[in-house]
């Protein structure tokens, strides 16, 4: 009960990271419309789907396949359908490290600190 306010602060920080990275992903990977894991529901076309895609990636679901879909560049891609960015591995690995290791440990730290 004592740690609820601190947990809300950590949660809001996590949502800020999700907002920033969803917007960045929307600008970087807007051209990827289909792939092995990218489809009409999981994509970076609009902000809400980008945000939900990052949430599913944070659970560990197919993040490497999504990264490979977003990292295709010319001449291995179809322009406007499967072309992503060469910075996709940096983006996805940084996201995974930030969310799974830093933020999860921050949640645990807040709970243990109040315990």
PDB file of N, CA and C in Angstrom:
ATOM      1  N   UNK A   1       0.812  -1.186   0.000  1.00  0.00           N
ATOM      2  CA  UNK A   1       0.000   0.000   0.000  1.00  0.00           C
ATOM      3  C   UNK A   1       0.866   1.265   0.000  1.00  0.00           C
ATOM      4  N   UNK A   2       2.013   1.196   0.696  1.00  0.00           N
ATOM      5  CA  UNK A   2       2.883   2.361   0.771  1.00  0.00           C
ATOM      6  C   UNK A   2       3.590   2.651  -0.557  1.00  0.00           C
ATOM      7  N   UNK A   3       3.752   1.660  -1.357  1.00  0.00           N
ATOM      8  CA  UNK A   3       4.521   1.844  -2.591  1.00  0.00           C
ATOM      9  C   UNK A   3       3.660   2.173  -3.804  1.00  0.00           C
ATOM     10  N   UNK A   4       2.359   2.342  -3.642  1.00  0.00           N
ATOM     11  CA  UNK A   4       1.478   2.591  -4.783  1.00  0.00           C
ATOM     12  C   UNK A   4       1.832   3.900  -5.484  1.00  0.00           C
ATOM     13  N   UNK A   5       2.085   4.964  -4.737  1.00  0.00           N
ATOM     14  CA  UNK A   5       2.402   6.241  -5.379  1.00  0.00           C
ATOM     15  C   UNK A   5       3.716   6.162  -6.146  1.00  0.00           C
ATOM     16  N   UNK A   6       4.712   5.466  -5.595  1.00  0.00           N
ATOM     17  CA  UNK A   6       5.982   5.303  -6.307  1.00  0.00           C
ATOM     18  C   UNK A   6       5.805   4.416  -7.537  1.00  0.00           C
ATOM     19  N   UNK A   7       4.961   3.402  -7.436  1.00  0.00           N
ATOM     20  CA  UNK A   7       4.701   2.537  -8.588  1.00  0.00           C
ATOM     21  C   UNK A   7       3.974   3.290  -9.691  1.00  0.00           C
ATOM     22  N   UNK A   8       3.095   4.194  -9.331  1.00  0.00           N
ATOM     23  CA  UNK A   8       2.408   5.008 -10.343  1.00  0.00           C
ATOM     24  C   UNK A   8       3.413   5.896 -11.066  1.00  0.00           C
ATOM     25  N   UNK A   9       4.368   6.447 -10.330  1.00  0.00           N
ATOM     26  CA  UNK A   9       5.403   7.263 -10.968  1.00  0.00           C
ATOM     27  C   UNK A   9       6.248   6.447 -11.936  1.00  0.00           C
ATOM     28  N   UNK A  10       6.617   5.240 -11.541  1.00  0.00           N
ATOM     29  CA  UNK A  10       7.402   4.366 -12.421  1.00  0.00           C
ATOM     30  C   UNK A  10       6.569   3.967 -13.636  1.00  0.00           C
ATOM     31  N   UNK A  11       5.284   3.696 -13.423  1.00  0.00           N
ATOM     32  CA  UNK A  11       4.407   3.341 -14.532  1.00  0.00           C
ATOM     33  C   UNK A  11       4.268   4.496 -15.521  1.00  0.00           C
ATOM     34  N   UNK A  12       4.147   5.710 -15.015  1.00  0.00           N
ATOM     35  CA  UNK A  12       4.046   6.872 -15.908  1.00  0.00           C
ATOM     36  C   UNK A  12       5.349   7.083 -16.683  1.00  0.00           C
ATOM     37  N   UNK A  13       6.485   6.817 -16.065  1.00  0.00           N
ATOM     38  CA  UNK A  13       7.760   6.883 -16.771  1.00  0.00           C
ATOM     39  C   UNK A  13       7.821   5.831 -17.879  1.00  0.00           C
ATOM     40  N   UNK A  14       7.325   4.641 -17.585  1.00  0.00           N
ATOM     41  CA  UNK A  14       7.281   3.580 -18.596  1.00  0.00           C
ATOM     42  C   UNK A  14       6.375   3.977 -19.754  1.00  0.00           C
ATOM     43  N   UNK A  15       5.235   4.574 -19.467  1.00  0.00           N
ATOM     44  CA  UNK A  15       4.327   5.013 -20.530  1.00  0.00           C
ATOM     45  C   UNK A  15       4.947   6.143 -21.355  1.00  0.00           C
ATOM     46  N   UNK A  16       5.752   6.988 -20.727  1.00  0.00           N
ATOM     47  CA  UNK A  16       6.461   8.024 -21.470  1.00  0.00           C
ATOM     48  C   UNK A  16       7.450   7.402 -22.450  1.00  0.00           C
ATOM     49  N   UNK A  17       8.192   6.371 -21.999  1.00  0.00           N
ATOM     50  CA  UNK A  17       9.107   5.662 -22.902  1.00  0.00           C
ATOM     51  C   UNK A  17       8.336   5.009 -24.049  1.00  0.00           C
ATOM     52  N   UNK A  18       7.201   4.386 -23.739  1.00  0.00           N
ATOM     53  CA  UNK A  18       6.391   3.763 -24.784  1.00  0.00           C
ATOM     54  C   UNK A  18       5.906   4.811 -25.783  1.00  0.00           C
ATOM     55  N   UNK A  19       5.465   5.967 -25.292  1.00  0.00           N
ATOM     56  CA  UNK A  19       4.981   7.026 -26.178  1.00  0.00           C
ATOM     57  C   UNK A  19       6.085   7.505 -27.110  1.00  0.00           C
ATOM     58  N   UNK A  20       7.257   7.773 -26.558  1.00  0.00           N
ATOM     59  CA  UNK A  20       8.380   8.264 -27.367  1.00  0.00           C
ATOM     60  C   UNK A  20       8.795   7.227 -28.396  1.00  0.00           C
ATOM     61  N   UNK A  21       8.938   5.978 -27.965  1.00  0.00           N
ATOM     62  CA  UNK A  21       9.406   4.939 -28.884  1.00  0.00           C
ATOM     63  C   UNK A  21       8.328   4.533 -29.893  1.00  0.00           C
ATOM     64  N   UNK A  22       7.050   4.636 -29.534  1.00  0.00           N
ATOM     65  CA  UNK A  22       5.989   4.358 -30.508  1.00  0.00           C
ATOM     66  C   UNK A  22       5.974   5.429 -31.588  1.00  0.00           C
ATOM     67  N   UNK A  23       6.172   6.675 -31.198  1.00  0.00           N
ATOM     68  CA  UNK A  23       6.231   7.752 -32.188  1.00  0.00           C
ATOM     69  C   UNK A  23       7.455   7.599 -33.077  1.00  0.00           C
ATOM     70  N   UNK A  24       8.593   7.289 -32.484  1.00  0.00           N
ATOM     71  CA  UNK A  24       9.815   7.071 -33.263  1.00  0.00           C
ATOM     72  C   UNK A  24       9.666   5.874 -34.198  1.00  0.00           C
ATOM     73  N   UNK A  25       9.075   4.794 -33.721  1.00  0.00           N
ATOM     74  CA  UNK A  25       8.841   3.624 -34.560  1.00  0.00           C
ATOM     75  C   UNK A  25       7.883   3.906 -35.694  1.00  0.00           C
ATOM     76  N   UNK A  26       6.907   4.764 -35.439  1.00  0.00           N
ATOM     77  CA  UNK A  26       5.967   5.122 -36.498  1.00  0.00           C
ATOM     78  C   UNK A  26       6.672   5.890 -37.609  1.00  0.00           C
ATOM     79  N   UNK A  27       7.598   6.739 -37.265  1.00  0.00           N
ATOM     80  CA  UNK A  27       8.335   7.481 -38.294  1.00  0.00           C
ATOM     81  C   UNK A  27       9.364   6.611 -39.005  1.00  0.00           C
ATOM     82  N   UNK A  28      10.011   5.703 -38.274  1.00  0.00           N
ATOM     83  CA  UNK A  28      11.071   4.894 -38.879  1.00  0.00           C
ATOM     84  C   UNK A  28      10.541   3.729 -39.708  1.00  0.00           C
ATOM     85  N   UNK A  29       9.455   3.092 -39.264  1.00  0.00           N
ATOM     86  CA  UNK A  29       8.989   1.852 -39.886  1.00  0.00           C
ATOM     87  C   UNK A  29       7.598   1.970 -40.489  1.00  0.00           C
ATOM     88  N   UNK A  30       7.219   3.158 -40.900  1.00  0.00           N
ATOM     89  CA  UNK A  30       5.912   3.368 -41.497  1.00  0.00           C
ATOM     90  C   UNK A  30       5.766   2.646 -42.833  1.00  0.00           C
ATOM     91  N   UNK A  31       6.863   2.407 -43.526  1.00  0.00           N
ATOM     92  CA  UNK A  31       6.820   1.746 -44.829  1.00  0.00           C
ATOM     93  C   UNK A  31       6.690   0.241 -44.769  1.00  0.00           C
ATOM     94  N   UNK A  32       6.746  -0.343 -43.579  1.00  0.00           N
ATOM     95  CA  UNK A  32       6.617  -1.798 -43.443  1.00  0.00           C
ATOM     96  C   UNK A  32       5.151  -2.124 -43.219  1.00  0.00           C
ATOM     97  N   UNK A  33       4.526  -2.685 -44.236  1.00  0.00           N
ATOM     98  CA  UNK A  33       3.109  -2.998 -44.155  1.00  0.00           C
ATOM     99  C   UNK A  33       2.840  -4.483 -43.994  1.00  0.00           C
ATOM    100  N   UNK A  34       3.795  -5.312 -44.388  1.00  0.00           N
ATOM    101  CA  UNK A  34       3.618  -6.760 -44.231  1.00  0.00           C
ATOM    102  C   UNK A  34       4.967  -7.433 -44.092  1.00  0.00           C
ATOM    103  N   UNK A  35       4.946  -8.610 -43.525  1.00  0.00           N
ATOM    104  CA  UNK A  35       6.159  -9.386 -43.308  1.00  0.00           C
ATOM    105  C   UNK A  35       5.805 -10.686 -42.604  1.00  0.00           C
ATOM    106  N   UNK A  36       6.798 -11.336 -42.020  1.00  0.00           N
ATOM    107  CA  UNK A  36       6.533 -12.585 -41.299  1.00  0.00           C
ATOM    108  C   UNK A  36       5.684 -12.343 -40.060  1.00  0.00           C
ATOM    109  N   UNK A  37       5.990 -11.294 -39.316  1.00  0.00           N
ATOM    110  CA  UNK A  37       5.245 -10.991 -38.097  1.00  0.00           C
ATOM    111  C   UNK A  37       4.401  -9.722 -38.229  1.00  0.00           C
ATOM    112  N   UNK A  38       4.750  -8.853 -39.143  1.00  0.00           N
ATOM    113  CA  UNK A  38       3.993  -7.619 -39.353  1.00  0.00           C
ATOM    114  C   UNK A  38       2.775  -7.936 -40.217  1.00  0.00           C
ATOM    115  N   UNK A  39       1.601  -7.530 -39.753  1.00  0.00           N
ATOM    116  CA  UNK A  39       0.381  -7.743 -40.533  1.00  0.00           C
ATOM    117  C   UNK A  39      -0.532  -6.533 -40.352  1.00  0.00           C
ATOM    118  N   UNK A  40      -1.802  -6.681 -40.655  1.00  0.00           N
ATOM    119  CA  UNK A  40      -2.706  -5.538 -40.573  1.00  0.00           C
ATOM    120  C   UNK A  40      -2.987  -5.112 -39.135  1.00  0.00           C
ATOM    121  N   UNK A  41      -2.751  -5.992 -38.163  1.00  0.00           N
ATOM    122  CA  UNK A  41      -2.998  -5.648 -36.767  1.00  0.00           C
ATOM    123  C   UNK A  41      -1.722  -5.265 -36.028  1.00  0.00           C
ATOM    124  N   UNK A  42      -0.614  -5.859 -36.405  1.00  0.00           N
ATOM    125  CA  UNK A  42       0.675  -5.577 -35.766  1.00  0.00           C
ATOM    126  C   UNK A  42       1.542  -4.809 -36.756  1.00  0.00           C
ATOM    127  N   UNK A  43       1.550  -3.487 -36.626  1.00  0.00           N
ATOM    128  CA  UNK A  43       2.345  -2.667 -37.530  1.00  0.00           C
ATOM    129  C   UNK A  43       2.600  -1.308 -36.885  1.00  0.00           C
ATOM    130  N   UNK A  44       3.376  -0.494 -37.578  1.00  0.00           N
ATOM    131  CA  UNK A  44       3.696   0.852 -37.126  1.00  0.00           C
ATOM    132  C   UNK A  44       2.992   1.909 -37.976  1.00  0.00           C
ATOM    133  N   UNK A  45       1.840   1.594 -38.549  1.00  0.00           N
ATOM    134  CA  UNK A  45       1.153   2.525 -39.438  1.00  0.00           C
ATOM    135  C   UNK A  45       0.523   3.696 -38.683  1.00  0.00           C
ATOM    136  N   UNK A  46      -0.186   3.419 -37.621  1.00  0.00           N
ATOM    137  CA  UNK A  46      -0.831   4.461 -36.818  1.00  0.00           C
ATOM    138  C   UNK A  46      -0.357   4.334 -35.381  1.00  0.00           C
ATOM    139  N   UNK A  47      -0.551   5.391 -34.598  1.00  0.00           N
ATOM    140  CA  UNK A  47       0.018   5.447 -33.262  1.00  0.00           C
ATOM    141  C   UNK A  47      -0.524   4.366 -32.333  1.00  0.00           C
ATOM    142  N   UNK A  48      -1.832   4.121 -32.343  1.00  0.00           N
ATOM    143  CA  UNK A  48      -2.381   3.148 -31.400  1.00  0.00           C
ATOM    144  C   UNK A  48      -1.873   1.734 -31.681  1.00  0.00           C
ATOM    145  N   UNK A  49      -1.756   1.356 -32.931  1.00  0.00           N
ATOM    146  CA  UNK A  49      -1.207   0.032 -33.250  1.00  0.00           C
ATOM    147  C   UNK A  49       0.280  -0.039 -32.954  1.00  0.00           C
ATOM    148  N   UNK A  50       0.976   1.049 -33.146  1.00  0.00           N
ATOM    149  CA  UNK A  50       2.397   1.111 -32.809  1.00  0.00           C
ATOM    150  C   UNK A  50       2.593   0.936 -31.306  1.00  0.00           C
ATOM    151  N   UNK A  51       1.758   1.597 -30.519  1.00  0.00           N
ATOM    152  CA  UNK A  51       1.826   1.491 -29.066  1.00  0.00           C
ATOM    153  C   UNK A  51       1.523   0.067 -28.617  1.00  0.00           C
ATOM    154  N   UNK A  52       0.476  -0.540 -29.176  1.00  0.00           N
ATOM    155  CA  UNK A  52       0.122  -1.915 -28.818  1.00  0.00           C
ATOM    156  C   UNK A  52       1.182  -2.916 -29.278  1.00  0.00           C
ATOM    157  N   UNK A  53       1.794  -2.648 -30.419  1.00  0.00           N
ATOM    158  CA  UNK A  53       2.869  -3.516 -30.887  1.00  0.00           C
ATOM    159  C   UNK A  53       4.054  -3.460 -29.934  1.00  0.00           C
ATOM    160  N   UNK A  54       4.393  -2.274 -29.456  1.00  0.00           N
ATOM    161  CA  UNK A  54       5.479  -2.166 -28.481  1.00  0.00           C
ATOM    162  C   UNK A  54       5.118  -2.859 -27.175  1.00  0.00           C
ATOM    163  N   UNK A  55       3.855  -2.797 -26.784  1.00  0.00           N
ATOM    164  CA  UNK A  55       3.438  -3.507 -25.577  1.00  0.00           C
ATOM    165  C   UNK A  55       3.593  -5.009 -25.751  1.00  0.00           C
ATOM    166  N   UNK A  56       3.210  -5.540 -26.912  1.00  0.00           N
ATOM    167  CA  UNK A  56       3.373  -6.980 -27.137  1.00  0.00           C
ATOM    168  C   UNK A  56       4.847  -7.368 -27.251  1.00  0.00           C
ATOM    169  N   UNK A  57       5.668  -6.473 -27.807  1.00  0.00           N
ATOM    170  CA  UNK A  57       7.110  -6.738 -27.870  1.00  0.00           C
ATOM    171  C   UNK A  57       7.698  -6.770 -26.473  1.00  0.00           C
ATOM    172  N   UNK A  58       7.196  -5.925 -25.580  1.00  0.00           N
ATOM    173  CA  UNK A  58       7.731  -5.892 -24.221  1.00  0.00           C
ATOM    174  C   UNK A  58       7.450  -7.179 -23.459  1.00  0.00           C
ATOM    175  N   UNK A  59       6.469  -7.967 -23.894  1.00  0.00           N
ATOM    176  CA  UNK A  59       6.225  -9.265 -23.273  1.00  0.00           C
ATOM    177  C   UNK A  59       7.135 -10.344 -23.845  1.00  0.00           C
ATOM    178  N   UNK A  60       7.859 -10.016 -24.915  1.00  0.00           N
ATOM    179  CA  UNK A  60       8.779 -10.973 -25.526  1.00  0.00           C
ATOM    180  C   UNK A  60       8.197 -11.709 -26.712  1.00  0.00           C
ATOM    181  N   UNK A  61       7.005 -11.337 -27.141  1.00  0.00           N
ATOM    182  CA  UNK A  61       6.333 -12.039 -28.219  1.00  0.00           C
ATOM    183  C   UNK A  61       6.891 -11.639 -29.581  1.00  0.00           C
ATOM    184  N   UNK A  62       7.625 -12.513 -30.226  1.00  0.00           N
ATOM    185  CA  UNK A  62       8.109 -12.371 -31.608  1.00  0.00           C
ATOM    186  C   UNK A  62       8.861 -11.072 -31.875  1.00  0.00           C
ATOM    187  N   UNK A  63       9.549 -10.536 -30.893  1.00  0.00           N
ATOM    188  CA  UNK A  63      10.221  -9.255 -31.125  1.00  0.00           C
ATOM    189  C   UNK A  63      11.344  -9.399 -32.135  1.00  0.00           C
ATOM    190  N   UNK A  64      11.996 -10.562 -32.183  1.00  0.00           N
ATOM    191  CA  UNK A  64      13.074 -10.734 -33.154  1.00  0.00           C
ATOM    192  C   UNK A  64      12.548 -10.845 -34.585  1.00  0.00           C
ATOM    193  N   UNK A  65      11.395 -11.469 -34.789  1.00  0.00           N
ATOM    194  CA  UNK A  65      10.812 -11.541 -36.133  1.00  0.00           C
ATOM    195  C   UNK A  65      10.340 -10.169 -36.595  1.00  0.00           C
ATOM    196  N   UNK A  66       9.792  -9.385 -35.679  1.00  0.00           N
ATOM    197  CA  UNK A  66       9.373  -8.028 -36.017  1.00  0.00           C
ATOM    198  C   UNK A  66      10.597  -7.185 -36.364  1.00  0.00           C
ATOM    199  N   UNK A  67      11.681  -7.379 -35.620  1.00  0.00           N
ATOM    200  CA  UNK A  67      12.924  -6.654 -35.904  1.00  0.00           C
ATOM    201  C   UNK A  67      13.442  -7.005 -37.293  1.00  0.00           C
ATOM    202  N   UNK A  68      13.418  -8.282 -37.654  1.00  0.00           N
ATOM    203  CA  UNK A  68      13.881  -8.681 -38.986  1.00  0.00           C
ATOM    204  C   UNK A  68      12.974  -8.129 -40.081  1.00  0.00           C
ATOM    205  N   UNK A  69      11.662  -8.092 -39.831  1.00  0.00           N
ATOM    206  CA  UNK A  69      10.749  -7.494 -40.814  1.00  0.00           C
ATOM    207  C   UNK A  69      11.049  -6.015 -41.017  1.00  0.00           C
ATOM    208  N   UNK A  70      11.367  -5.325 -39.944  1.00  0.00           N
ATOM    209  CA  UNK A  70      11.603  -3.873 -40.022  1.00  0.00           C
ATOM    210  C   UNK A  70      13.006  -3.521 -40.490  1.00  0.00           C
ATOM    211  N   UNK A  71      13.911  -4.499 -40.564  1.00  0.00           N
ATOM    212  CA  UNK A  71      15.288  -4.190 -40.948  1.00  0.00           C
ATOM    213  C   UNK A  71      15.583  -4.451 -42.418  1.00  0.00           C
ATOM    214  N   UNK A  72      14.594  -4.863 -43.193  1.00  0.00           N
ATOM    215  CA  UNK A  72      14.820  -5.072 -44.629  1.00  0.00           C
ATOM    216  C   UNK A  72      15.022  -3.735 -45.326  1.00  0.00           C
ATOM    217  N   UNK A  73      16.052  -3.656 -46.143  1.00  0.00           N
ATOM    218  CA  UNK A  73      16.325  -2.448 -46.925  1.00  0.00           C
ATOM    219  C   UNK A  73      16.530  -2.852 -48.381  1.00  0.00           C
ATOM    220  N   UNK A  74      16.578  -1.863 -49.255  1.00  0.00           N
ATOM    221  CA  UNK A  74      16.769  -2.117 -50.690  1.00  0.00           C
ATOM    222  C   UNK A  74      18.107  -2.797 -50.920  1.00  0.00           C
ATOM    223  N   UNK A  75      18.229  -3.704 -51.812  1.00  0.00           N
ATOM    224  CA  UNK A  75      17.323  -4.233 -52.829  1.00  0.00           C
ATOM    225  C   UNK A  75      16.538  -5.459 -52.369  1.00  0.00           C
ATOM    226  N   UNK A  76      16.565  -5.780 -51.068  1.00  0.00           N
ATOM    227  CA  UNK A  76      15.891  -6.979 -50.567  1.00  0.00           C
ATOM    228  C   UNK A  76      14.434  -6.766 -50.189  1.00  0.00           C
ATOM    229  N   UNK A  77      13.891  -5.589 -50.481  1.00  0.00           N
ATOM    230  CA  UNK A  77      12.525  -5.304 -50.070  1.00  0.00           C
ATOM    231  C   UNK A  77      11.728  -4.729 -51.233  1.00  0.00           C
ATOM    232  N   UNK A  78      10.429  -4.704 -51.039  1.00  0.00           N
ATOM    233  CA  UNK A  78       9.517  -4.088 -52.004  1.00  0.00           C
ATOM    234  C   UNK A  78       9.196  -2.694 -51.476  1.00  0.00           C
ATOM    235  N   UNK A  79       9.488  -1.681 -52.259  1.00  0.00           N
ATOM    236  CA  UNK A  79       9.318  -0.284 -51.826  1.00  0.00           C
ATOM    237  C   UNK A  79       7.866   0.004 -51.467  1.00  0.00           C
ATOM    238  N   UNK A  80       7.644   0.534 -50.269  1.00  0.00           N
ATOM    239  CA  UNK A  80       6.311   0.876 -49.807  1.00  0.00           C
ATOM    240  C   UNK A  80       5.543  -0.263 -49.183  1.00  0.00           C
ATOM    241  N   UNK A  81       6.120  -1.478 -49.186  1.00  0.00           N
ATOM    242  CA  UNK A  81       5.421  -2.627 -48.618  1.00  0.00           C
ATOM    243  C   UNK A  81       6.242  -3.283 -47.512  1.00  0.00           C
ATOM    244  N   UNK A  82       7.514  -3.559 -47.780  1.00  0.00           N
ATOM    245  CA  UNK A  82       8.330  -4.265 -46.798  1.00  0.00           C
ATOM    246  C   UNK A  82       9.622  -3.545 -46.450  1.00  0.00           C
ATOM    247  N   UNK A  83       9.836  -2.329 -46.906  1.00  0.00           N
ATOM    248  CA  UNK A  83      11.091  -1.628 -46.631  1.00  0.00           C
ATOM    249  C   UNK A  83      11.072  -0.962 -45.273  1.00  0.00           C
ATOM    250  N   UNK A  84      12.099  -1.256 -44.496  1.00  0.00           N
ATOM    251  CA  UNK A  84      12.232  -0.667 -43.176  1.00  0.00           C
ATOM    252  C   UNK A  84      13.453   0.220 -43.086  1.00  0.00           C
ATOM    253  N   UNK A  85      14.232   0.045 -42.028  1.00  0.00           N
ATOM    254  CA  UNK A  85      15.391   0.877 -41.784  1.00  0.00           C
ATOM    255  C   UNK A  85      16.545   0.012 -41.313  1.00  0.00           C
ATOM    256  N   UNK A  86      17.758   0.441 -41.616  1.00  0.00           N
ATOM    257  CA  UNK A  86      18.924  -0.310 -41.150  1.00  0.00           C
ATOM    258  C   UNK A  86      19.174  -0.090 -39.659  1.00  0.00           C
ATOM    259  N   UNK A  87      18.461   0.844 -39.048  1.00  0.00           N
ATOM    260  CA  UNK A  87      18.596   1.103 -37.616  1.00  0.00           C
ATOM    261  C   UNK A  87      17.628   0.269 -36.773  1.00  0.00           C
ATOM    262  N   UNK A  88      16.904  -0.643 -37.388  1.00  0.00           N
ATOM    263  CA  UNK A  88      15.939  -1.469 -36.670  1.00  0.00           C
ATOM    264  C   UNK A  88      16.570  -2.298 -35.552  1.00  0.00           C
ATOM    265  N   UNK A  89      17.718  -2.957 -35.768  1.00  0.00           N
ATOM    266  CA  UNK A  89      18.301  -3.714 -34.650  1.00  0.00           C
ATOM    267  C   UNK A  89      18.651  -2.836 -33.450  1.00  0.00           C
ATOM    268  N   UNK A  90      19.157  -1.653 -33.698  1.00  0.00           N
ATOM    269  CA  UNK A  90      19.488  -0.744 -32.595  1.00  0.00           C
ATOM    270  C   UNK A  90      18.216  -0.347 -31.851  1.00  0.00           C
ATOM    271  N   UNK A  91      17.170  -0.014 -32.590  1.00  0.00           N
ATOM    272  CA  UNK A  91      15.892   0.397 -31.996  1.00  0.00           C
ATOM    273  C   UNK A  91      15.303  -0.709 -31.128  1.00  0.00           C
ATOM    274  N   UNK A  92      15.200  -1.922 -31.685  1.00  0.00           N
ATOM    275  CA  UNK A  92      14.542  -3.007 -30.965  1.00  0.00           C
ATOM    276  C   UNK A  92      15.375  -3.527 -29.799  1.00  0.00           C
ATOM    277  N   UNK A  93      16.664  -3.642 -29.966  1.00  0.00           N
ATOM    278  CA  UNK A  93      17.502  -4.114 -28.864  1.00  0.00           C
ATOM    279  C   UNK A  93      17.531  -3.086 -27.735  1.00  0.00           C
ATOM    280  N   UNK A  94      17.592  -1.802 -28.076  1.00  0.00           N
ATOM    281  CA  UNK A  94      17.533  -0.763 -27.048  1.00  0.00           C
ATOM    282  C   UNK A  94      16.182  -0.787 -26.334  1.00  0.00           C
ATOM    283  N   UNK A  95      15.105  -1.019 -27.068  1.00  0.00           N
ATOM    284  CA  UNK A  95      13.786  -1.090 -26.445  1.00  0.00           C
ATOM    285  C   UNK A  95      13.692  -2.275 -25.494  1.00  0.00           C
ATOM    286  N   UNK A  96      14.151  -3.428 -25.937  1.00  0.00           N
ATOM    287  CA  UNK A  96      14.095  -4.620 -25.084  1.00  0.00           C
ATOM    288  C   UNK A  96      14.934  -4.425 -23.830  1.00  0.00           C
ATOM    289  N   UNK A  97      16.137  -3.884 -23.984  1.00  0.00           N
ATOM    290  CA  UNK A  97      16.993  -3.656 -22.821  1.00  0.00           C
ATOM    291  C   UNK A  97      16.358  -2.657 -21.863  1.00  0.00           C
ATOM    292  N   UNK A  98      15.801  -1.599 -22.390  1.00  0.00           N
ATOM    293  CA  UNK A  98      15.202  -0.568 -21.552  1.00  0.00           C
ATOM    294  C   UNK A  98      13.987  -1.099 -20.802  1.00  0.00           C
ATOM    295  N   UNK A  99      13.101  -1.764 -21.493  1.00  0.00           N
ATOM    296  CA  UNK A  99      11.842  -2.181 -20.878  1.00  0.00           C
ATOM    297  C   UNK A  99      12.025  -3.403 -19.989  1.00  0.00           C
ATOM    298  N   UNK A 100      12.660  -4.430 -20.491  1.00  0.00           N
ATOM    299  CA  UNK A 100      12.706  -5.670 -19.721  1.00  0.00           C
ATOM    300  C   UNK A 100      13.708  -5.634 -18.575  1.00  0.00           C
ATOM    301  N   UNK A 101      14.811  -4.963 -18.760  1.00  0.00           N
ATOM    302  CA  UNK A 101      15.817  -4.989 -17.704  1.00  0.00           C
ATOM    303  C   UNK A 101      15.739  -3.775 -16.788  1.00  0.00           C
ATOM    304  N   UNK A 102      15.692  -2.602 -17.333  1.00  0.00           N
ATOM    305  CA  UNK A 102      15.726  -1.398 -16.510  1.00  0.00           C
ATOM    306  C   UNK A 102      14.393  -1.172 -15.811  1.00  0.00           C
ATOM    307  N   UNK A 103      13.295  -1.140 -16.563  1.00  0.00           N
ATOM    308  CA  UNK A 103      12.008  -0.803 -15.966  1.00  0.00           C
ATOM    309  C   UNK A 103      11.498  -1.910 -15.052  1.00  0.00           C
ATOM    310  N   UNK A 104      11.681  -3.155 -15.407  1.00  0.00           N
ATOM    311  CA  UNK A 104      11.255  -4.254 -14.541  1.00  0.00           C
ATOM    312  C   UNK A 104      12.015  -4.218 -13.221  1.00  0.00           C
ATOM    313  N   UNK A 105      13.299  -3.970 -13.294  1.00  0.00           N
ATOM    314  CA  UNK A 105      14.082  -3.866 -12.063  1.00  0.00           C
ATOM    315  C   UNK A 105      13.696  -2.641 -11.252  1.00  0.00           C
ATOM    316  N   UNK A 106      13.280  -1.581 -11.902  1.00  0.00           N
ATOM    317  CA  UNK A 106      12.830  -0.393 -11.187  1.00  0.00           C
ATOM    318  C   UNK A 106      11.527  -0.667 -10.437  1.00  0.00           C
ATOM    319  N   UNK A 107      10.606  -1.414 -11.044  1.00  0.00           N
ATOM    320  CA  UNK A 107       9.391  -1.815 -10.346  1.00  0.00           C
ATOM    321  C   UNK A 107       9.732  -2.648  -9.109  1.00  0.00           C
ATOM    322  N   UNK A 108      10.619  -3.610  -9.277  1.00  0.00           N
ATOM    323  CA  UNK A 108      11.011  -4.473  -8.156  1.00  0.00           C
ATOM    324  C   UNK A 108      11.711  -3.670  -7.075  1.00  0.00           C
ATOM    325  N   UNK A 109      12.551  -2.714  -7.467  1.00  0.00           N
ATOM    326  CA  UNK A 109      13.239  -1.863  -6.508  1.00  0.00           C
ATOM    327  C   UNK A 109      12.273  -1.051  -5.664  1.00  0.00           C
ATOM    328  N   UNK A 110      11.240  -0.495  -6.282  1.00  0.00           N
ATOM    329  CA  UNK A 110      10.257   0.292  -5.537  1.00  0.00           C
ATOM    330  C   UNK A 110       9.521  -0.577  -4.527  1.00  0.00           C
ATOM    331  N   UNK A 111       9.159  -1.770  -4.929  1.00  0.00           N
ATOM    332  CA  UNK A 111       8.445  -2.675  -4.009  1.00  0.00           C
ATOM    333  C   UNK A 111       9.357  -3.098  -2.860  1.00  0.00           C
ATOM    334  N   UNK A 112      10.573  -3.463  -3.154  1.00  0.00           N
ATOM    335  CA  UNK A 112      11.511  -3.894  -2.110  1.00  0.00           C
ATOM    336  C   UNK A 112      11.877  -2.748  -1.178  1.00  0.00           C
ATOM    337  N   UNK A 113      11.990  -1.549  -1.717  1.00  0.00           N
ATOM    338  CA  UNK A 113      12.329  -0.395  -0.890  1.00  0.00           C
ATOM    339  C   UNK A 113      11.257  -0.143   0.165  1.00  0.00           C
ATOM    340  N   UNK A 114      10.017  -0.319  -0.185  1.00  0.00           N
ATOM    341  CA  UNK A 114       8.933  -0.110   0.791  1.00  0.00           C
ATOM    342  C   UNK A 114       8.773  -1.310   1.709  1.00  0.00           C
ATOM    343  N   UNK A 115       9.272  -2.450   1.317  1.00  0.00           N
ATOM    344  CA  UNK A 115       9.142  -3.657   2.126  1.00  0.00           C
ATOM    345  C   UNK A 115      10.072  -3.558   3.314  1.00  0.00           C
TER     346      UNK A 115
END
